[in-house]
C-alpha atoms as a PDB file:
ATOM      1  CA  UNK A   1       0.000   0.000   0.000  1.00  0.00           C
ATOM      2  CA  UNK A   2       2.785   2.365   0.964  1.00  0.00           C
ATOM      3  CA  UNK A   3       4.675   1.493  -2.204  1.00  0.00           C
ATOM      4  CA  UNK A   4       1.594   2.280  -4.300  1.00  0.00           C
ATOM      5  CA  UNK A   5       1.213   5.719  -2.680  1.00  0.00           C
ATOM      6  CA  UNK A   6       4.912   6.435  -3.196  1.00  0.00           C
ATOM      7  CA  UNK A   7       4.607   5.558  -6.870  1.00  0.00           C
ATOM      8  CA  UNK A   8       1.568   7.814  -7.243  1.00  0.00           C
ATOM      9  CA  UNK A   9       3.390  10.720  -5.654  1.00  0.00           C
ATOM     10  CA  UNK A  10       6.412  10.040  -7.845  1.00  0.00           C
ATOM     11  CA  UNK A  11       4.228  10.040 -10.963  1.00  0.00           C
ATOM     12  CA  UNK A  12       2.664  13.384  -9.964  1.00  0.00           C
ATOM     13  CA  UNK A  13       6.098  14.890  -9.403  1.00  0.00           C
ATOM     14  CA  UNK A  14       7.263  13.580 -12.758  1.00  0.00           C
ATOM     15  CA  UNK A  15       4.255  15.096 -14.524  1.00  0.00           C
ATOM     16  CA  UNK A  16       4.808  18.400 -12.756  1.00  0.00           C
ATOM     17  CA  UNK A  17       8.446  18.469 -13.815  1.00  0.00           C
ATOM     18  CA  UNK A  18       7.645  17.534 -17.397  1.00  0.00           C
ATOM     19  CA  UNK A  19       5.320  20.510 -17.802  1.00  0.00           C
ATOM     20  CA  UNK A  20       7.292  23.371 -19.274  1.00  0.00           C
ATOM     21  CA  UNK A  21       6.442  27.072 -18.861  1.00  0.00           C
ATOM     22  CA  UNK A  22       4.542  27.109 -22.148  1.00  0.00           C
ATOM     23  CA  UNK A  23       2.311  24.234 -21.051  1.00  0.00           C
ATOM     24  CA  UNK A  24       1.176  25.859 -17.802  1.00  0.00           C
ATOM     25  CA  UNK A  25      -2.183  27.635 -18.041  1.00  0.00           C
ATOM     26  CA  UNK A  26      -2.136  31.432 -17.675  1.00  0.00           C
ATOM     27  CA  UNK A  27      -3.237  32.807 -14.381  1.00  0.00           C
ATOM     28  CA  UNK A  28      -5.871  35.564 -14.265  1.00  0.00           C
ATOM     29  CA  UNK A  29      -3.145  38.024 -13.312  1.00  0.00           C
ATOM     30  CA  UNK A  30      -1.032  37.122 -16.335  1.00  0.00           C
ATOM     31  CA  UNK A  31      -4.025  37.503 -18.611  1.00  0.00           C
ATOM     32  CA  UNK A  32      -4.829  40.847 -17.044  1.00  0.00           C
ATOM     33  CA  UNK A  33      -1.273  42.084 -17.501  1.00  0.00           C
ATOM     34  CA  UNK A  34      -1.256  40.899 -21.096  1.00  0.00           C
ATOM     35  CA  UNK A  35      -4.563  42.416 -22.144  1.00  0.00           C
ATOM     36  CA  UNK A  36      -4.855  45.539 -19.995  1.00  0.00           C
ATOM     37  CA  UNK A  37      -2.601  47.791 -22.128  1.00  0.00           C
ATOM     38  CA  UNK A  38      -4.599  46.974 -25.257  1.00  0.00           C
ATOM     39  CA  UNK A  39      -7.854  47.501 -23.403  1.00  0.00           C
ATOM     40  CA  UNK A  40      -6.715  50.888 -22.179  1.00  0.00           C
ATOM     41  CA  UNK A  41      -5.669  51.899 -25.680  1.00  0.00           C
ATOM     42  CA  UNK A  42      -8.990  50.766 -27.123  1.00  0.00           C
ATOM     43  CA  UNK A  43     -10.904  52.628 -24.455  1.00  0.00           C
ATOM     44  CA  UNK A  44      -8.906  55.766 -25.204  1.00  0.00           C
ATOM     45  CA  UNK A  45      -9.680  55.483 -28.910  1.00  0.00           C
ATOM     46  CA  UNK A  46     -13.383  54.927 -28.277  1.00  0.00           C
ATOM     47  CA  UNK A  47     -13.486  57.889 -25.920  1.00  0.00           C
ATOM     48  CA  UNK A  48     -11.804  60.098 -28.517  1.00  0.00           C
ATOM     49  CA  UNK A  49     -14.171  58.996 -31.272  1.00  0.00           C
ATOM     50  CA  UNK A  50     -17.152  59.537 -29.002  1.00  0.00           C
ATOM     51  CA  UNK A  51     -16.054  63.052 -28.063  1.00  0.00           C
ATOM     52  CA  UNK A  52     -15.350  63.892 -31.702  1.00  0.00           C
ATOM     53  CA  UNK A  53     -18.805  62.712 -32.668  1.00  0.00           C
ATOM     54  CA  UNK A  54     -20.326  64.833 -29.929  1.00  0.00           C
ATOM     55  CA  UNK A  55     -18.463  67.978 -30.964  1.00  0.00           C
ATOM     56  CA  UNK A  56     -19.446  67.453 -34.604  1.00  0.00           C
ATOM     57  CA  UNK A  57     -23.089  66.738 -33.871  1.00  0.00           C
ATOM     58  CA  UNK A  58     -25.293  68.657 -36.352  1.00  0.00           C
ATOM     59  CA  UNK A  59     -27.757  71.291 -35.210  1.00  0.00           C
ATOM     60  CA  UNK A  60     -30.756  69.042 -35.914  1.00  0.00           C
ATOM     61  CA  UNK A  61     -29.588  66.717 -33.129  1.00  0.00           C
ATOM     62  CA  UNK A  62     -29.474  69.416 -30.454  1.00  0.00           C
ATOM     63  CA  UNK A  63     -31.706  68.711 -27.471  1.00  0.00           C
ATOM     64  CA  UNK A  64     -35.268  69.961 -28.195  1.00  0.00           C
ATOM     65  CA  UNK A  65     -35.473  71.360 -24.673  1.00  0.00           C
ATOM     66  CA  UNK A  66     -32.297  73.354 -25.282  1.00  0.00           C
ATOM     67  CA  UNK A  67     -33.758  74.745 -28.503  1.00  0.00           C
ATOM     68  CA  UNK A  68     -36.917  75.806 -26.658  1.00  0.00           C
ATOM     69  CA  UNK A  69     -34.842  77.729 -24.117  1.00  0.00           C
ATOM     70  CA  UNK A  70     -32.802  79.245 -26.935  1.00  0.00           C
ATOM     71  CA  UNK A  71     -35.903  80.519 -28.766  1.00  0.00           C
ATOM     72  CA  UNK A  72     -37.310  81.909 -25.527  1.00  0.00           C
ATOM     73  CA  UNK A  73     -34.042  83.752 -24.979  1.00  0.00           C
ATOM     74  CA  UNK A  74     -34.081  85.151 -28.503  1.00  0.00           C
ATOM     75  CA  UNK A  75     -37.638  86.416 -28.017  1.00  0.00           C
ATOM     76  CA  UNK A  76     -36.705  88.034 -24.713  1.00  0.00           C
ATOM     77  CA  UNK A  77     -33.663  89.720 -26.264  1.00  0.00           C
ATOM     78  CA  UNK A  78     -35.696  91.208 -29.102  1.00  0.00           C
ATOM     79  CA  UNK A  79     -38.225  92.466 -26.539  1.00  0.00           C
ATOM     80  CA  UNK A  80     -35.441  94.216 -24.635  1.00  0.00           C
ATOM     81  CA  UNK A  81     -35.552  91.861 -21.647  1.00  0.00           C
ATOM     82  CA  UNK A  82     -31.813  91.265 -21.480  1.00  0.00           C
ATOM     83  CA  UNK A  83     -31.782  89.600 -18.063  1.00  0.00           C
ATOM     84  CA  UNK A  84     -34.568  87.219 -19.050  1.00  0.00           C
ATOM     85  CA  UNK A  85     -32.740  86.484 -22.287  1.00  0.00           C
ATOM     86  CA  UNK A  86     -29.532  85.742 -20.402  1.00  0.00           C
ATOM     87  CA  UNK A  87     -31.287  83.346 -18.026  1.00  0.00           C
ATOM     88  CA  UNK A  88     -33.031  81.481 -20.852  1.00  0.00           C
ATOM     89  CA  UNK A  89     -29.933  81.200 -23.036  1.00  0.00           C
ATOM     90  CA  UNK A  90     -27.761  80.027 -20.156  1.00  0.00           C
ATOM     91  CA  UNK A  91     -30.406  77.383 -19.436  1.00  0.00           C
ATOM     92  CA  UNK A  92     -30.252  76.316 -23.087  1.00  0.00           C
ATOM     93  CA  UNK A  93     -26.499  75.810 -22.830  1.00  0.00           C
ATOM     94  CA  UNK A  94     -26.821  73.991 -19.510  1.00  0.00           C
ATOM     95  CA  UNK A  95     -29.169  71.487 -21.162  1.00  0.00           C
ATOM     96  CA  UNK A  96     -26.982  71.075 -24.263  1.00  0.00           C
ATOM     97  CA  UNK A  97     -23.568  72.781 -24.520  1.00  0.00           C
ATOM     98  CA  UNK A  98     -23.543  71.994 -28.261  1.00  0.00           C
ATOM     99  CA  UNK A  99     -26.229  74.604 -28.960  1.00  0.00           C
ATOM    100  CA  UNK A 100     -24.172  76.940 -31.114  1.00  0.00           C
ATOM    101  CA  UNK A 101     -27.034  79.355 -31.811  1.00  0.00           C
ATOM    102  CA  UNK A 102     -27.481  79.893 -28.071  1.00  0.00           C
ATOM    103  CA  UNK A 103     -23.867  81.064 -27.852  1.00  0.00           C
ATOM    104  CA  UNK A 104     -24.456  83.529 -30.697  1.00  0.00           C
ATOM    105  CA  UNK A 105     -27.649  84.838 -29.096  1.00  0.00           C
ATOM    106  CA  UNK A 106     -25.939  85.188 -25.724  1.00  0.00           C
ATOM    107  CA  UNK A 107     -23.155  87.132 -27.443  1.00  0.00           C
ATOM    108  CA  UNK A 108     -25.781  89.482 -28.900  1.00  0.00           C
ATOM    109  CA  UNK A 109     -27.137  90.052 -25.397  1.00  0.00           C
ATOM    110  CA  UNK A 110     -23.641  90.818 -24.115  1.00  0.00           C
ATOM    111  CA  UNK A 111     -23.134  93.381 -26.885  1.00  0.00           C
ATOM    112  CA  UNK A 112     -26.430  95.040 -26.001  1.00  0.00           C
ATOM    113  CA  UNK A 113     -25.183  95.269 -22.411  1.00  0.00           C
ATOM    114  CA  UNK A 114     -21.946  96.889 -23.556  1.00  0.00           C
ATOM    115  CA  UNK A 115     -19.896  93.798 -22.695  1.00  0.00           C
ATOM    116  CA  UNK A 116     -17.989  93.478 -25.959  1.00  0.00           C
ATOM    117  CA  UNK A 117     -15.183  91.416 -24.427  1.00  0.00           C
ATOM    118  CA  UNK A 118     -17.658  88.838 -23.161  1.00  0.00           C
ATOM    119  CA  UNK A 119     -19.418  88.852 -26.534  1.00  0.00           C
ATOM    120  CA  UNK A 120     -16.164  88.122 -28.363  1.00  0.00           C
ATOM    121  CA  UNK A 121     -15.522  85.131 -26.091  1.00  0.00           C
ATOM    122  CA  UNK A 122     -19.045  83.794 -26.663  1.00  0.00           C
ATOM    123  CA  UNK A 123     -18.693  84.132 -30.438  1.00  0.00           C
ATOM    124  CA  UNK A 124     -15.432  82.206 -30.114  1.00  0.00           C
ATOM    125  CA  UNK A 125     -17.270  79.372 -28.336  1.00  0.00           C
ATOM    126  CA  UNK A 126     -19.720  79.202 -31.241  1.00  0.00           C
ATOM    127  CA  UNK A 127     -16.865  79.145 -33.746  1.00  0.00           C
ATOM    128  CA  UNK A 128     -15.194  76.280 -31.892  1.00  0.00           C
ATOM    129  CA  UNK A 129     -18.327  74.254 -32.604  1.00  0.00           C
ATOM    130  CA  UNK A 130     -18.469  75.383 -36.239  1.00  0.00           C
ATOM    131  CA  UNK A 131     -15.562  77.425 -37.652  1.00  0.00           C
ATOM    132  CA  UNK A 132     -17.621  78.147 -40.802  1.00  0.00           C
ATOM    133  CA  UNK A 133     -20.420  79.961 -38.956  1.00  0.00           C
ATOM    134  CA  UNK A 134     -20.394  83.245 -40.870  1.00  0.00           C
ATOM    135  CA  UNK A 135     -22.952  84.889 -38.576  1.00  0.00           C
ATOM    136  CA  UNK A 136     -20.820  84.170 -35.509  1.00  0.00           C
ATOM    137  CA  UNK A 137     -17.665  85.328 -37.279  1.00  0.00           C
ATOM    138  CA  UNK A 138     -19.258  88.570 -38.487  1.00  0.00           C
ATOM    139  CA  UNK A 139     -20.770  89.206 -35.062  1.00  0.00           C
ATOM    140  CA  UNK A 140     -17.351  88.762 -33.502  1.00  0.00           C
ATOM    141  CA  UNK A 141     -15.951  91.295 -35.960  1.00  0.00           C
ATOM    142  CA  UNK A 142     -18.660  93.820 -35.077  1.00  0.00           C
ATOM    143  CA  UNK A 143     -17.951  93.360 -31.373  1.00  0.00           C
ATOM    144  CA  UNK A 144     -14.280  94.013 -32.099  1.00  0.00           C
ATOM    145  CA  UNK A 145     -15.196  97.228 -33.906  1.00  0.00           C
ATOM    146  CA  UNK A 146     -17.336  98.322 -30.963  1.00  0.00           C
ATOM    147  CA  UNK A 147     -14.336  97.646 -28.741  1.00  0.00           C
ATOM    148  CA  UNK A 148     -12.087  99.683 -31.022  1.00  0.00           C
ATOM    149  CA  UNK A 149     -10.017  96.786 -32.406  1.00  0.00           C
ATOM    150  CA  UNK A 150     -10.185  97.918 -36.032  1.00  0.00           C
ATOM    151  CA  UNK A 151      -7.263  95.869 -37.350  1.00  0.00           C
ATOM    152  CA  UNK A 152      -8.602  92.627 -35.888  1.00  0.00           C
ATOM    153  CA  UNK A 153     -12.083  93.373 -37.206  1.00  0.00           C
ATOM    154  CA  UNK A 154     -10.664  93.766 -40.713  1.00  0.00           C
ATOM    155  CA  UNK A 155      -8.948  90.383 -40.408  1.00  0.00           C
ATOM    156  CA  UNK A 156     -12.243  88.812 -39.360  1.00  0.00           C
ATOM    157  CA  UNK A 157     -13.994  90.477 -42.318  1.00  0.00           C
ATOM    158  CA  UNK A 158     -11.487  88.912 -44.718  1.00  0.00           C
ATOM    159  CA  UNK A 159     -12.149  85.469 -43.195  1.00  0.00           C
ATOM    160  CA  UNK A 160     -15.916  85.941 -43.373  1.00  0.00           C
ATOM    161  CA  UNK A 161     -15.759  87.021 -47.014  1.00  0.00           C
ATOM    162  CA  UNK A 162     -13.862  83.849 -47.899  1.00  0.00           C
ATOM    163  CA  UNK A 163     -16.370  81.638 -46.074  1.00  0.00           C
ATOM    164  CA  UNK A 164     -19.550  83.340 -47.253  1.00  0.00           C
ATOM    165  CA  UNK A 165     -21.353  81.225 -49.858  1.00  0.00           C
ATOM    166  CA  UNK A 166     -25.050  82.009 -49.450  1.00  0.00           C
ATOM    167  CA  UNK A 167     -26.360  84.461 -46.846  1.00  0.00           C
ATOM    168  CA  UNK A 168     -23.791  87.249 -46.807  1.00  0.00           C
ATOM    169  CA  UNK A 169     -25.915  89.832 -44.977  1.00  0.00           C
ATOM    170  CA  UNK A 170     -23.862  89.516 -41.750  1.00  0.00           C
ATOM    171  CA  UNK A 171     -20.694  90.093 -43.775  1.00  0.00           C
ATOM    172  CA  UNK A 172     -22.219  93.222 -45.297  1.00  0.00           C
ATOM    173  CA  UNK A 173     -23.125  94.501 -41.835  1.00  0.00           C
ATOM    174  CA  UNK A 174     -19.564  93.973 -40.637  1.00  0.00           C
ATOM    175  CA  UNK A 175     -18.166  95.741 -43.706  1.00  0.00           C
ATOM    176  CA  UNK A 176     -20.513  98.675 -43.064  1.00  0.00           C
ATOM    177  CA  UNK A 177     -19.462  98.813 -39.405  1.00  0.00           C
ATOM    178  CA  UNK A 178     -15.794  98.929 -40.402  1.00  0.00           C
ATOM    179  CA  UNK A 179     -16.518 101.617 -42.985  1.00  0.00           C
ATOM    180  CA  UNK A 180     -18.322 103.676 -40.345  1.00  0.00           C
ATOM    181  CA  UNK A 181     -15.492 103.287 -37.866  1.00  0.00           C
ATOM    182  CA  UNK A 182     -15.509 102.527 -34.147  1.00  0.00           C
ATOM    183  CA  UNK A 183     -17.383 104.622 -31.593  1.00  0.00           C
ATOM    184  CA  UNK A 184     -15.396 107.610 -30.392  1.00  0.00           C
ATOM    185  CA  UNK A 185     -15.246 106.257 -26.840  1.00  0.00           C
ATOM    186  CA  UNK A 186     -13.819 102.956 -28.112  1.00  0.00           C
ATOM    187  CA  UNK A 187     -10.912 104.442 -30.043  1.00  0.00           C
ATOM    188  CA  UNK A 188      -7.683 103.067 -28.648  1.00  0.00           C
ATOM    189  CA  UNK A 189      -4.329 104.801 -28.777  1.00  0.00           C
ATOM    190  CA  UNK A 190      -3.317 102.362 -31.506  1.00  0.00           C
ATOM    191  CA  UNK A 191      -6.331 103.070 -33.709  1.00  0.00           C
ATOM    192  CA  UNK A 192      -6.678 106.783 -33.004  1.00  0.00           C
ATOM    193  CA  UNK A 193      -4.973 109.320 -35.245  1.00  0.00           C
ATOM    194  CA  UNK A 194      -2.259 111.065 -33.239  1.00  0.00           C
ATOM    195  CA  UNK A 195      -2.457 114.809 -33.007  1.00  0.00           C
ATOM    196  CA  UNK A 196       0.402 116.768 -34.605  1.00  0.00           C
ATOM    197  CA  UNK A 197       3.244 117.515 -32.221  1.00  0.00           C
ATOM    198  CA  UNK A 198       5.481 120.547 -32.136  1.00  0.00           C
ATOM    199  CA  UNK A 199       3.112 122.860 -33.972  1.00  0.00           C
ATOM    200  CA  UNK A 200       2.867 126.379 -32.610  1.00  0.00           C
ATOM    201  CA  UNK A 201       0.242 128.971 -33.253  1.00  0.00           C
ATOM    202  CA  UNK A 202       1.588 132.027 -34.950  1.00  0.00           C
ATOM    203  CA  UNK A 203       0.983 135.231 -33.062  1.00  0.00           C
ATOM    204  CA  UNK A 204      -0.185 138.201 -35.089  1.00  0.00           C
END
C-alpha cells in the first residue's frame, strides 16, 4: 500500500516536472497584464471617437429642450428683456452645450449690455463648434469694432468674405461697421490718429 502511494506521488512529481512554462495555463493576473494595455488603448480610442462625434453633432440633433430655451431667450432679447434672455440662453447651454445658436444669441445680449469682451468670447465658443459659422464670425468682428479693435475686425472680415457662400448679410453689416469706424469712446491709442506735435500757433 505504501509502495503504491509512493509511486503515485512520484508520478505526480514527474508530470509536474515535465510541464514546461509554455504548457502551464495562464493565471488571471497574467491575462490581465497581457490584455490591460490593449484595453486601455482601445478605451482611449473609443473615448476620442465619441467626443469627436459629440463635438461634430449637427444642429438638428441638439436637445429639443435646449432649442426651446434658446428661442425663448431670442424672443426676450428682441423684446429688450436682457436679463430674461440671459437666463433662458444660459439654461439652453446647460441642457446642451452643443447649442451653437445659443452662444451667438448670448453674445448678442452681451453686446447690447456693452460687454464686448464677453461677446467676443461667446462668439469664439460658437466658432469652436463650427468654424464656418459666418454669422458668428461677423458678429465677432462687429464686437471688435465696438471695442475699437479695427485691425482685428478687418482680419475677421477677410475670413468671413472667404467663407460666405449664401447668406452674406452679416458680412455686409460687418463691412458697413468697419466703414463707419468705431465709436469715439472705443478708439484706442493704436487706432486713433495722433495729433500733430510741435506745432505752434503764430501770433499776429
